PDB file of N, CA and C in Angstrom:
ATOM      1  N   MET A   1      29.496  16.635  -1.367  1.00  0.00           N
ATOM      2  CA  MET A   1      30.768  16.840  -2.045  1.00  0.00           C
ATOM      3  C   MET A   1      31.877  16.935  -0.991  1.00  0.00           C
ATOM      4  N   THR A   2      32.945  16.224  -1.240  1.00  0.00           N
ATOM      5  CA  THR A   2      34.071  16.222  -0.313  1.00  0.00           C
ATOM      6  C   THR A   2      35.035  17.337  -0.688  1.00  0.00           C
ATOM      7  N   THR A   3      35.335  18.173   0.266  1.00  0.00           N
ATOM      8  CA  THR A   3      36.296  19.238   0.015  1.00  0.00           C
ATOM      9  C   THR A   3      37.706  18.690   0.159  1.00  0.00           C
ATOM     10  N   GLY A   4      38.649  19.447  -0.343  1.00  0.00           N
ATOM     11  CA  GLY A   4      40.038  19.033  -0.227  1.00  0.00           C
ATOM     12  C   GLY A   4      40.472  18.888   1.217  1.00  0.00           C
ATOM     13  N   LEU A   5      39.997  19.785   2.055  1.00  0.00           N
ATOM     14  CA  LEU A   5      40.353  19.732   3.475  1.00  0.00           C
ATOM     15  C   LEU A   5      39.756  18.496   4.141  1.00  0.00           C
ATOM     16  N   THR A   6      38.499  18.185   3.825  1.00  0.00           N
ATOM     17  CA  THR A   6      37.850  17.001   4.391  1.00  0.00           C
ATOM     18  C   THR A   6      38.600  15.738   3.975  1.00  0.00           C
ATOM     19  N   LYS A   7      38.976  15.671   2.694  1.00  0.00           N
ATOM     20  CA  LYS A   7      39.719  14.510   2.193  1.00  0.00           C
ATOM     21  C   LYS A   7      41.065  14.396   2.897  1.00  0.00           C
ATOM     22  N   MET A   8      41.741  15.524   3.076  1.00  0.00           N
ATOM     23  CA  MET A   8      43.042  15.509   3.727  1.00  0.00           C
ATOM     24  C   MET A   8      42.924  15.011   5.172  1.00  0.00           C
ATOM     25  N   ILE A   9      41.905  15.455   5.886  1.00  0.00           N
ATOM     26  CA  ILE A   9      41.696  15.016   7.270  1.00  0.00           C
ATOM     27  C   ILE A   9      41.388  13.524   7.306  1.00  0.00           C
ATOM     28  N   ARG A  10      40.507  13.077   6.413  1.00  0.00           N
ATOM     29  CA  ARG A  10      40.150  11.652   6.357  1.00  0.00           C
ATOM     30  C   ARG A  10      41.377  10.799   6.024  1.00  0.00           C
ATOM     31  N   ASP A  11      42.176  11.248   5.050  1.00  0.00           N
ATOM     32  CA  ASP A  11      43.376  10.501   4.673  1.00  0.00           C
ATOM     33  C   ASP A  11      44.394  10.466   5.803  1.00  0.00           C
ATOM     34  N   LYS A  12      44.488  11.544   6.546  1.00  0.00           N
ATOM     35  CA  LYS A  12      45.426  11.588   7.676  1.00  0.00           C
ATOM     36  C   LYS A  12      45.021  10.576   8.743  1.00  0.00           C
ATOM     37  N   LYS A  13      43.716  10.468   8.996  1.00  0.00           N
ATOM     38  CA  LYS A  13      43.230   9.475   9.958  1.00  0.00           C
ATOM     39  C   LYS A  13      43.522   8.061   9.449  1.00  0.00           C
ATOM     40  N   ARG A  14      43.284   7.840   8.163  1.00  0.00           N
ATOM     41  CA  ARG A  14      43.565   6.517   7.583  1.00  0.00           C
ATOM     42  C   ARG A  14      45.054   6.203   7.697  1.00  0.00           C
ATOM     43  N   TYR A  15      45.898   7.198   7.459  1.00  0.00           N
ATOM     44  CA  TYR A  15      47.336   6.987   7.528  1.00  0.00           C
ATOM     45  C   TYR A  15      47.781   6.670   8.956  1.00  0.00           C
ATOM     46  N   ARG A  16      47.225   7.367   9.927  1.00  0.00           N
ATOM     47  CA  ARG A  16      47.558   7.067  11.330  1.00  0.00           C
ATOM     48  C   ARG A  16      47.168   5.634  11.683  1.00  0.00           C
ATOM     49  N   GLN A  17      45.996   5.211  11.212  1.00  0.00           N
ATOM     50  CA  GLN A  17      45.558   3.836  11.456  1.00  0.00           C
ATOM     51  C   GLN A  17      46.481   2.853  10.751  1.00  0.00           C
ATOM     52  N   PHE A  18      46.899   3.196   9.546  1.00  0.00           N
ATOM     53  CA  PHE A  18      47.841   2.363   8.795  1.00  0.00           C
ATOM     54  C   PHE A  18      49.115   2.155   9.623  1.00  0.00           C
ATOM     55  N   LEU A  19      49.687   3.245  10.131  1.00  0.00           N
ATOM     56  CA  LEU A  19      50.921   3.133  10.925  1.00  0.00           C
ATOM     57  C   LEU A  19      50.712   2.302  12.182  1.00  0.00           C
ATOM     58  N   LYS A  20      49.581   2.485  12.824  1.00  0.00           N
ATOM     59  CA  LYS A  20      49.264   1.701  14.018  1.00  0.00           C
ATOM     60  C   LYS A  20      49.202   0.211  13.666  1.00  0.00           C
ATOM     61  N   ASP A  21      48.549  -0.113  12.567  1.00  0.00           N
ATOM     62  CA  ASP A  21      48.430  -1.503  12.133  1.00  0.00           C
ATOM     63  C   ASP A  21      49.781  -2.084  11.702  1.00  0.00           C
ATOM     64  N   VAL A  22      50.594  -1.272  11.054  1.00  0.00           N
ATOM     65  CA  VAL A  22      51.934  -1.726  10.654  1.00  0.00           C
ATOM     66  C   VAL A  22      52.752  -2.058  11.888  1.00  0.00           C
ATOM     67  N   ASN A  23      52.696  -1.197  12.885  1.00  0.00           N
ATOM     68  CA  ASN A  23      53.475  -1.416  14.106  1.00  0.00           C
ATOM     69  C   ASN A  23      53.013  -2.642  14.884  1.00  0.00           C
ATOM     70  N   ALA A  24      51.810  -3.124  14.605  1.00  0.00           N
ATOM     71  CA  ALA A  24      51.311  -4.338  15.260  1.00  0.00           C
ATOM     72  C   ALA A  24      51.816  -5.606  14.571  1.00  0.00           C
ATOM     73  N   LEU A  25      52.403  -5.461  13.393  1.00  0.00           N
ATOM     74  CA  LEU A  25      52.928  -6.621  12.663  1.00  0.00           C
ATOM     75  C   LEU A  25      54.244  -7.092  13.273  1.00  0.00           C
ATOM     76  N   PRO A  26      54.595  -8.364  13.081  1.00  0.00           N
ATOM     77  CA  PRO A  26      55.933  -8.819  13.483  1.00  0.00           C
ATOM     78  C   PRO A  26      57.005  -8.006  12.745  1.00  0.00           C
ATOM     79  N   ALA A  27      58.147  -7.855  13.367  1.00  0.00           N
ATOM     80  CA  ALA A  27      59.210  -6.962  12.890  1.00  0.00           C
ATOM     81  C   ALA A  27      59.559  -7.094  11.405  1.00  0.00           C
ATOM     82  N   PRO A  28      59.817  -8.300  10.876  1.00  0.00           N
ATOM     83  CA  PRO A  28      60.225  -8.343   9.461  1.00  0.00           C
ATOM     84  C   PRO A  28      59.148  -7.799   8.520  1.00  0.00           C
ATOM     85  N   TYR A  29      57.889  -8.032   8.845  1.00  0.00           N
ATOM     86  CA  TYR A  29      56.787  -7.553   8.007  1.00  0.00           C
ATOM     87  C   TYR A  29      56.671  -6.039   8.127  1.00  0.00           C
ATOM     88  N   ALA A  30      56.720  -5.536   9.355  1.00  0.00           N
ATOM     89  CA  ALA A  30      56.604  -4.102   9.584  1.00  0.00           C
ATOM     90  C   ALA A  30      57.760  -3.347   8.943  1.00  0.00           C
ATOM     91  N   GLN A  31      58.979  -3.830   9.127  1.00  0.00           N
ATOM     92  CA  GLN A  31      60.141  -3.150   8.575  1.00  0.00           C
ATOM     93  C   GLN A  31      60.098  -3.123   7.051  1.00  0.00           C
ATOM     94  N   THR A  32      59.693  -4.228   6.449  1.00  0.00           N
ATOM     95  CA  THR A  32      59.609  -4.293   4.988  1.00  0.00           C
ATOM     96  C   THR A  32      58.515  -3.368   4.479  1.00  0.00           C
ATOM     97  N   LEU A  33      57.385  -3.378   5.136  1.00  0.00           N
ATOM     98  CA  LEU A  33      56.271  -2.529   4.715  1.00  0.00           C
ATOM     99  C   LEU A  33      56.631  -1.050   4.840  1.00  0.00           C
ATOM    100  N   LEU A  34      57.316  -0.672   5.905  1.00  0.00           N
ATOM    101  CA  LEU A  34      57.745   0.718   6.062  1.00  0.00           C
ATOM    102  C   LEU A  34      58.778   1.111   5.007  1.00  0.00           C
ATOM    103  N   ALA A  35      59.653   0.187   4.649  1.00  0.00           N
ATOM    104  CA  ALA A  35      60.634   0.465   3.594  1.00  0.00           C
ATOM    105  C   ALA A  35      59.929   0.646   2.247  1.00  0.00           C
ATOM    106  N   LEU A  36      58.950  -0.202   1.968  1.00  0.00           N
ATOM    107  CA  LEU A  36      58.181  -0.068   0.725  1.00  0.00           C
ATOM    108  C   LEU A  36      57.416   1.250   0.710  1.00  0.00           C
ATOM    109  N   GLN A  37      56.848   1.620   1.843  1.00  0.00           N
ATOM    110  CA  GLN A  37      56.125   2.884   1.938  1.00  0.00           C
ATOM    111  C   GLN A  37      57.049   4.058   1.629  1.00  0.00           C
ATOM    112  N   ALA A  38      58.224   4.066   2.217  1.00  0.00           N
ATOM    113  CA  ALA A  38      59.183   5.152   1.978  1.00  0.00           C
ATOM    114  C   ALA A  38      59.552   5.226   0.502  1.00  0.00           C
ATOM    115  N   TYR A  39      59.713   4.079  -0.126  1.00  0.00           N
ATOM    116  CA  TYR A  39      60.028   4.037  -1.555  1.00  0.00           C
ATOM    117  C   TYR A  39      58.866   4.589  -2.380  1.00  0.00           C
ATOM    118  N   LEU A  40      57.650   4.147  -2.069  1.00  0.00           N
ATOM    119  CA  LEU A  40      56.483   4.559  -2.842  1.00  0.00           C
ATOM    120  C   LEU A  40      56.182   6.050  -2.705  1.00  0.00           C
ATOM    121  N   TRP A  41      56.533   6.645  -1.562  1.00  0.00           N
ATOM    122  CA  TRP A  41      56.293   8.081  -1.394  1.00  0.00           C
ATOM    123  C   TRP A  41      56.961   8.880  -2.493  1.00  0.00           C
ATOM    124  N   ASN A  42      58.040   8.371  -3.064  1.00  0.00           N
ATOM    125  CA  ASN A  42      58.756   9.074  -4.120  1.00  0.00           C
ATOM    126  C   ASN A  42      57.946   9.187  -5.402  1.00  0.00           C
ATOM    127  N   PHE A  43      56.901   8.385  -5.541  1.00  0.00           N
ATOM    128  CA  PHE A  43      56.180   8.309  -6.801  1.00  0.00           C
ATOM    129  C   PHE A  43      54.719   8.722  -6.697  1.00  0.00           C
ATOM    130  N   ALA A  44      54.273   9.122  -5.539  1.00  0.00           N
ATOM    131  CA  ALA A  44      52.859   9.424  -5.342  1.00  0.00           C
ATOM    132  C   ALA A  44      52.601  10.921  -5.407  1.00  0.00           C
ATOM    133  N   ARG A  45      51.430  11.254  -5.925  1.00  0.00           N
ATOM    134  CA  ARG A  45      50.976  12.627  -5.809  1.00  0.00           C
ATOM    135  C   ARG A  45      50.621  12.834  -4.345  1.00  0.00           C
ATOM    136  N   SER A  46      50.624  14.035  -3.929  1.00  0.00           N
ATOM    137  CA  SER A  46      50.353  14.348  -2.530  1.00  0.00           C
ATOM    138  C   SER A  46      49.035  13.736  -2.072  1.00  0.00           C
ATOM    139  N   GLY A  47      49.107  12.900  -1.045  1.00  0.00           N
ATOM    140  CA  GLY A  47      47.908  12.332  -0.439  1.00  0.00           C
ATOM    141  C   GLY A  47      47.266  11.175  -1.175  1.00  0.00           C
ATOM    142  N   ASP A  48      47.840  10.727  -2.274  1.00  0.00           N
ATOM    143  CA  ASP A  48      47.192   9.687  -3.072  1.00  0.00           C
ATOM    144  C   ASP A  48      47.776   8.292  -2.872  1.00  0.00           C
ATOM    145  N   LEU A  49      48.465   8.079  -1.801  1.00  0.00           N
ATOM    146  CA  LEU A  49      49.129   6.796  -1.604  1.00  0.00           C
ATOM    147  C   LEU A  49      48.402   5.891  -0.619  1.00  0.00           C
ATOM    148  N   ILE A  50      47.379   6.374   0.025  1.00  0.00           N
ATOM    149  CA  ILE A  50      46.769   5.604   1.104  1.00  0.00           C
ATOM    150  C   ILE A  50      46.169   4.285   0.614  1.00  0.00           C
ATOM    151  N   GLU A  51      45.508   4.271  -0.526  1.00  0.00           N
ATOM    152  CA  GLU A  51      44.926   3.011  -1.004  1.00  0.00           C
ATOM    153  C   GLU A  51      45.976   1.945  -1.273  1.00  0.00           C
ATOM    154  N   PRO A  52      47.042   2.261  -2.029  1.00  0.00           N
ATOM    155  CA  PRO A  52      48.077   1.231  -2.216  1.00  0.00           C
ATOM    156  C   PRO A  52      48.701   0.765  -0.902  1.00  0.00           C
ATOM    157  N   LEU A  53      48.881   1.695   0.034  1.00  0.00           N
ATOM    158  CA  LEU A  53      49.449   1.311   1.330  1.00  0.00           C
ATOM    159  C   LEU A  53      48.514   0.371   2.081  1.00  0.00           C
ATOM    160  N   GLU A  54      47.235   0.678   2.069  1.00  0.00           N
ATOM    161  CA  GLU A  54      46.273  -0.183   2.763  1.00  0.00           C
ATOM    162  C   GLU A  54      46.188  -1.555   2.102  1.00  0.00           C
ATOM    163  N   GLU A  55      46.312  -1.593   0.794  1.00  0.00           N
ATOM    164  CA  GLU A  55      46.311  -2.882   0.098  1.00  0.00           C
ATOM    165  C   GLU A  55      47.528  -3.718   0.508  1.00  0.00           C
ATOM    166  N   MET A  56      48.690  -3.067   0.544  1.00  0.00           N
ATOM    167  CA  MET A  56      49.897  -3.788   0.978  1.00  0.00           C
ATOM    168  C   MET A  56      49.755  -4.240   2.416  1.00  0.00           C
ATOM    169  N   LEU A  57      49.201  -3.401   3.263  1.00  0.00           N
ATOM    170  CA  LEU A  57      49.015  -3.752   4.662  1.00  0.00           C
ATOM    171  C   LEU A  57      48.176  -5.020   4.791  1.00  0.00           C
ATOM    172  N   ARG A  58      47.052  -5.081   4.083  1.00  0.00           N
ATOM    173  CA  ARG A  58      46.202  -6.271   4.150  1.00  0.00           C
ATOM    174  C   ARG A  58      46.980  -7.515   3.697  1.00  0.00           C
ATOM    175  N   MET A  59      47.758  -7.364   2.641  1.00  0.00           N
ATOM    176  CA  MET A  59      48.560  -8.475   2.131  1.00  0.00           C
ATOM    177  C   MET A  59      49.569  -8.937   3.188  1.00  0.00           C
ATOM    178  N   PHE A  60      50.222  -7.985   3.837  1.00  0.00           N
ATOM    179  CA  PHE A  60      51.225  -8.317   4.845  1.00  0.00           C
ATOM    180  C   PHE A  60      50.568  -8.891   6.103  1.00  0.00           C
ATOM    181  N   GLN A  61      49.404  -8.385   6.476  1.00  0.00           N
ATOM    182  CA  GLN A  61      48.701  -8.917   7.644  1.00  0.00           C
ATOM    183  C   GLN A  61      48.303 -10.373   7.409  1.00  0.00           C
ATOM    184  N   GLU A  62      47.745 -10.656   6.240  1.00  0.00           N
ATOM    185  CA  GLU A  62      47.358 -12.033   5.917  1.00  0.00           C
ATOM    186  C   GLU A  62      48.581 -12.941   5.876  1.00  0.00           C
ATOM    187  N   SER A  63      49.647 -12.463   5.281  1.00  0.00           N
ATOM    188  CA  SER A  63      50.868 -13.266   5.179  1.00  0.00           C
ATOM    189  C   SER A  63      51.485 -13.513   6.547  1.00  0.00           C
ATOM    190  N   ALA A  64      51.455 -12.503   7.405  1.00  0.00           N
ATOM    191  CA  ALA A  64      51.992 -12.674   8.756  1.00  0.00           C
ATOM    192  C   ALA A  64      51.165 -13.697   9.522  1.00  0.00           C
ATOM    193  N   ALA A  65      49.849 -13.633   9.369  1.00  0.00           N
ATOM    194  CA  ALA A  65      48.968 -14.585  10.058  1.00  0.00           C
ATOM    195  C   ALA A  65      49.228 -16.016   9.585  1.00  0.00           C
ATOM    196  N   GLU A  66      49.570 -16.160   8.322  1.00  0.00           N
ATOM    197  CA  GLU A  66      49.848 -17.489   7.760  1.00  0.00           C
ATOM    198  C   GLU A  66      51.334 -17.836   7.825  1.00  0.00           C
ATOM    199  N   GLN A  67      52.133 -16.953   8.406  1.00  0.00           N
ATOM    200  CA  GLN A  67      53.587 -17.110   8.555  1.00  0.00           C
ATOM    201  C   GLN A  67      54.294 -17.317   7.216  1.00  0.00           C
ATOM    202  N   VAL A  68      53.836 -16.580   6.212  1.00  0.00           N
ATOM    203  CA  VAL A  68      54.490 -16.587   4.908  1.00  0.00           C
ATOM    204  C   VAL A  68      55.721 -15.686   5.023  1.00  0.00           C
ATOM    205  N   PRO A  69      56.900 -16.169   4.646  1.00  0.00           N
ATOM    206  CA  PRO A  69      58.103 -15.341   4.757  1.00  0.00           C
ATOM    207  C   PRO A  69      57.998 -14.067   3.902  1.00  0.00           C
ATOM    208  N   VAL A  70      58.586 -12.989   4.387  1.00  0.00           N
ATOM    209  CA  VAL A  70      58.558 -11.710   3.684  1.00  0.00           C
ATOM    210  C   VAL A  70      59.114 -11.863   2.271  1.00  0.00           C
ATOM    211  N   ALA A  71      60.190 -12.613   2.125  1.00  0.00           N
ATOM    212  CA  ALA A  71      60.799 -12.797   0.805  1.00  0.00           C
ATOM    213  C   ALA A  71      59.830 -13.444  -0.177  1.00  0.00           C
ATOM    214  N   GLN A  72      58.935 -14.238   0.320  1.00  0.00           N
ATOM    215  CA  GLN A  72      57.946 -14.882  -0.552  1.00  0.00           C
ATOM    216  C   GLN A  72      56.865 -13.870  -0.961  1.00  0.00           C
ATOM    217  N   ILE A  73      56.601 -12.888  -0.132  1.00  0.00           N
ATOM    218  CA  ILE A  73      55.603 -11.860  -0.451  1.00  0.00           C
ATOM    219  C   ILE A  73      56.132 -10.946  -1.551  1.00  0.00           C
ATOM    220  N   VAL A  74      57.311 -10.410  -1.348  1.00  0.00           N
ATOM    221  CA  VAL A  74      57.844  -9.404  -2.273  1.00  0.00           C
ATOM    222  C   VAL A  74      58.641 -10.007  -3.424  1.00  0.00           C
ATOM    223  N   GLY A  75      58.989 -11.264  -3.313  1.00  0.00           N
ATOM    224  CA  GLY A  75      59.768 -11.903  -4.369  1.00  0.00           C
ATOM    225  C   GLY A  75      61.229 -11.506  -4.292  1.00  0.00           C
ATOM    226  N   PRO A  76      61.992 -11.872  -5.320  1.00  0.00           N
ATOM    227  CA  PRO A  76      63.432 -11.621  -5.278  1.00  0.00           C
ATOM    228  C   PRO A  76      63.812 -10.145  -5.438  1.00  0.00           C
ATOM    229  N   ASP A  77      62.893  -9.327  -5.971  1.00  0.00           N
ATOM    230  CA  ASP A  77      63.205  -7.920  -6.207  1.00  0.00           C
ATOM    231  C   ASP A  77      62.084  -7.036  -5.660  1.00  0.00           C
ATOM    232  N   PRO A  78      62.299  -6.403  -4.498  1.00  0.00           N
ATOM    233  CA  PRO A  78      61.255  -5.555  -3.916  1.00  0.00           C
ATOM    234  C   PRO A  78      60.899  -4.358  -4.799  1.00  0.00           C
ATOM    235  N   VAL A  79      61.826  -3.907  -5.635  1.00  0.00           N
ATOM    236  CA  VAL A  79      61.528  -2.797  -6.552  1.00  0.00           C
ATOM    237  C   VAL A  79      60.491  -3.244  -7.583  1.00  0.00           C
ATOM    238  N   GLU A  80      60.651  -4.448  -8.087  1.00  0.00           N
ATOM    239  CA  GLU A  80      59.672  -4.991  -9.035  1.00  0.00           C
ATOM    240  C   GLU A  80      58.315  -5.170  -8.350  1.00  0.00           C
ATOM    241  N   PHE A  81      58.321  -5.636  -7.111  1.00  0.00           N
ATOM    242  CA  PHE A  81      57.082  -5.768  -6.343  1.00  0.00           C
ATOM    243  C   PHE A  81      56.385  -4.415  -6.237  1.00  0.00           C
ATOM    244  N   ALA A  82      57.145  -3.387  -5.892  1.00  0.00           N
ATOM    245  CA  ALA A  82      56.578  -2.042  -5.758  1.00  0.00           C
ATOM    246  C   ALA A  82      56.070  -1.532  -7.105  1.00  0.00           C
ATOM    247  N   ALA A  83      56.805  -1.791  -8.171  1.00  0.00           N
ATOM    248  CA  ALA A  83      56.377  -1.350  -9.510  1.00  0.00           C
ATOM    249  C   ALA A  83      55.073  -2.027  -9.910  1.00  0.00           C
ATOM    250  N   ASN A  84      54.936  -3.308  -9.608  1.00  0.00           N
ATOM    251  CA  ASN A  84      53.698  -4.015  -9.925  1.00  0.00           C
ATOM    252  C   ASN A  84      52.526  -3.458  -9.123  1.00  0.00           C
ATOM    253  N   LEU A  85      52.769  -3.118  -7.882  1.00  0.00           N
ATOM    254  CA  LEU A  85      51.725  -2.521  -7.065  1.00  0.00           C
ATOM    255  C   LEU A  85      51.347  -1.141  -7.609  1.00  0.00           C
ATOM    256  N   MET A  86      52.336  -0.334  -7.935  1.00  0.00           N
ATOM    257  CA  MET A  86      52.072   1.003  -8.450  1.00  0.00           C
ATOM    258  C   MET A  86      51.280   0.955  -9.762  1.00  0.00           C
ATOM    259  N   ALA A  87      51.539  -0.038 -10.584  1.00  0.00           N
ATOM    260  CA  ALA A  87      50.849  -0.148 -11.867  1.00  0.00           C
ATOM    261  C   ALA A  87      49.345  -0.325 -11.698  1.00  0.00           C
ATOM    262  N   GLN A  88      48.918  -0.787 -10.536  1.00  0.00           N
ATOM    263  CA  GLN A  88      47.491  -0.962 -10.262  1.00  0.00           C
ATOM    264  C   GLN A  88      46.806   0.358  -9.911  1.00  0.00           C
ATOM    265  N   TYR A  89      47.578   1.409  -9.721  1.00  0.00           N
ATOM    266  CA  TYR A  89      47.038   2.718  -9.326  1.00  0.00           C
ATOM    267  C   TYR A  89      47.557   3.818 -10.244  1.00  0.00           C
ATOM    268  N   PRO A  90      47.307   3.714 -11.533  1.00  0.00           N
ATOM    269  CA  PRO A  90      47.895   4.684 -12.472  1.00  0.00           C
ATOM    270  C   PRO A  90      47.410   6.113 -12.268  1.00  0.00           C
ATOM    271  N   ASP A  91      46.235   6.303 -11.715  1.00  0.00           N
ATOM    272  CA  ASP A  91      45.727   7.658 -11.517  1.00  0.00           C
ATOM    273  C   ASP A  91      46.255   8.301 -10.240  1.00  0.00           C
ATOM    274  N   ASP A  92      46.785   7.506  -9.337  1.00  0.00           N
ATOM    275  CA  ASP A  92      47.236   8.017  -8.052  1.00  0.00           C
ATOM    276  C   ASP A  92      48.735   8.286  -7.989  1.00  0.00           C
ATOM    277  N   LEU A  93      49.466   7.751  -8.920  1.00  0.00           N
ATOM    278  CA  LEU A  93      50.919   7.848  -8.845  1.00  0.00           C
ATOM    279  C   LEU A  93      51.460   8.605 -10.049  1.00  0.00           C
ATOM    280  N   TRP A  94      52.130   9.710  -9.795  1.00  0.00           N
ATOM    281  CA  TRP A  94      52.598  10.553 -10.885  1.00  0.00           C
ATOM    282  C   TRP A  94      53.583   9.823 -11.781  1.00  0.00           C
ATOM    283  N   LEU A  95      54.369   8.910 -11.233  1.00  0.00           N
ATOM    284  CA  LEU A  95      55.341   8.187 -12.058  1.00  0.00           C
ATOM    285  C   LEU A  95      54.630   7.419 -13.164  1.00  0.00           C
ATOM    286  N   ILE A  96      53.530   6.747 -12.833  1.00  0.00           N
ATOM    287  CA  ILE A  96      52.785   5.981 -13.822  1.00  0.00           C
ATOM    288  C   ILE A  96      52.220   6.920 -14.881  1.00  0.00           C
ATOM    289  N   LYS A  97      51.740   8.074 -14.468  1.00  0.00           N
ATOM    290  CA  LYS A  97      51.208   9.063 -15.408  1.00  0.00           C
ATOM    291  C   LYS A  97      52.291   9.450 -16.424  1.00  0.00           C
ATOM    292  N   TYR A  98      53.476   9.719 -15.959  1.00  0.00           N
ATOM    293  CA  TYR A  98      54.559  10.125 -16.847  1.00  0.00           C
ATOM    294  C   TYR A  98      55.076   8.956 -17.689  1.00  0.00           C
ATOM    295  N   GLN A  99      55.068   7.769 -17.130  1.00  0.00           N
ATOM    296  CA  GLN A  99      55.454   6.598 -17.924  1.00  0.00           C
ATOM    297  C   GLN A  99      54.477   6.401 -19.074  1.00  0.00           C
ATOM    298  N   ASN A 100      53.182   6.498 -18.784  1.00  0.00           N
ATOM    299  CA  ASN A 100      52.165   6.332 -19.825  1.00  0.00           C
ATOM    300  C   ASN A 100      52.265   7.435 -20.871  1.00  0.00           C
ATOM    301  N   ARG A 101      52.530   8.655 -20.438  1.00  0.00           N
ATOM    302  CA  ARG A 101      52.702   9.765 -21.378  1.00  0.00           C
ATOM    303  C   ARG A 101      53.869   9.487 -22.313  1.00  0.00           C
ATOM    304  N   LEU A 102      54.989   9.024 -21.776  1.00  0.00           N
ATOM    305  CA  LEU A 102      56.151   8.710 -22.603  1.00  0.00           C
ATOM    306  C   LEU A 102      55.825   7.612 -23.613  1.00  0.00           C
ATOM    307  N   ARG A 103      55.130   6.574 -23.162  1.00  0.00           N
ATOM    308  CA  ARG A 103      54.751   5.495 -24.077  1.00  0.00           C
ATOM    309  C   ARG A 103      53.912   6.028 -25.235  1.00  0.00           C
ATOM    310  N   LYS A 104      52.941   6.892 -24.934  1.00  0.00           N
ATOM    311  CA  LYS A 104      52.075   7.453 -25.973  1.00  0.00           C
ATOM    312  C   LYS A 104      52.865   8.349 -26.931  1.00  0.00           C
ATOM    313  N   GLN A 105      53.807   9.110 -26.412  1.00  0.00           N
ATOM    314  CA  GLN A 105      54.613   9.988 -27.253  1.00  0.00           C
ATOM    315  C   GLN A 105      55.484   9.194 -28.202  1.00  0.00           C
ATOM    316  N   VAL A 106      56.088   8.124 -27.717  1.00  0.00           N
ATOM    317  CA  VAL A 106      56.928   7.279 -28.571  1.00  0.00           C
ATOM    318  C   VAL A 106      56.077   6.574 -29.622  1.00  0.00           C
ATOM    319  N   GLU A 107      54.917   6.093 -29.200  1.00  0.00           N
ATOM    320  CA  GLU A 107      54.004   5.429 -30.132  1.00  0.00           C
ATOM    321  C   GLU A 107      53.562   6.403 -31.231  1.00  0.00           C
ATOM    322  N   ALA A 108      53.243   7.622 -30.850  1.00  0.00           N
ATOM    323  CA  ALA A 108      52.827   8.641 -31.825  1.00  0.00           C
ATOM    324  C   ALA A 108      53.980   8.978 -32.766  1.00  0.00           C
ATOM    325  N   ALA A 109      55.187   9.052 -32.246  1.00  0.00           N
ATOM    326  CA  ALA A 109      56.343   9.339 -33.085  1.00  0.00           C
ATOM    327  C   ALA A 109      56.593   8.222 -34.082  1.00  0.00           C
ATOM    328  N   GLU A 110      56.388   6.996 -33.664  1.00  0.00           N
ATOM    329  CA  GLU A 110      56.596   5.854 -34.562  1.00  0.00           C
ATOM    330  C   GLU A 110      55.574   5.821 -35.696  1.00  0.00           C
ATOM    331  N   GLN A 111      54.379   6.356 -35.457  1.00  0.00           N
ATOM    332  CA  GLN A 111      53.312   6.315 -36.459  1.00  0.00           C
ATOM    333  C   GLN A 111      53.453   7.420 -37.493  1.00  0.00           C
ATOM    334  N   GLN A 112      54.364   8.335 -37.298  1.00  0.00           N
ATOM    335  CA  GLN A 112      54.536   9.429 -38.268  1.00  0.00           C
ATOM    336  C   GLN A 112      55.455   9.037 -39.385  1.00  0.00           C
TER     337      GLN A 112
END
């Protein structure tokens, strides 16, 4: 069984590796990824953002290797890109939890 402290230590190591890997990317990729990370921190429960960050990192690493422009990765709206990524992690991001709760409440109200 993993204790909260063990998980926190493991996540901290993963996060340090994430930052190291981000800093190894070419500047436009690294800067965009760090900006997305800062944005996503606003919506994550404490310590639950590492998986989405690692997924984005892999995407940016592959795109950098293939020289895909950053604008092509995130599309015309980086907020929409971040929202689509967050939607894949509904249990890890408090914003998604509250969005789903609101949807259920409105649906329940409509059925009365």
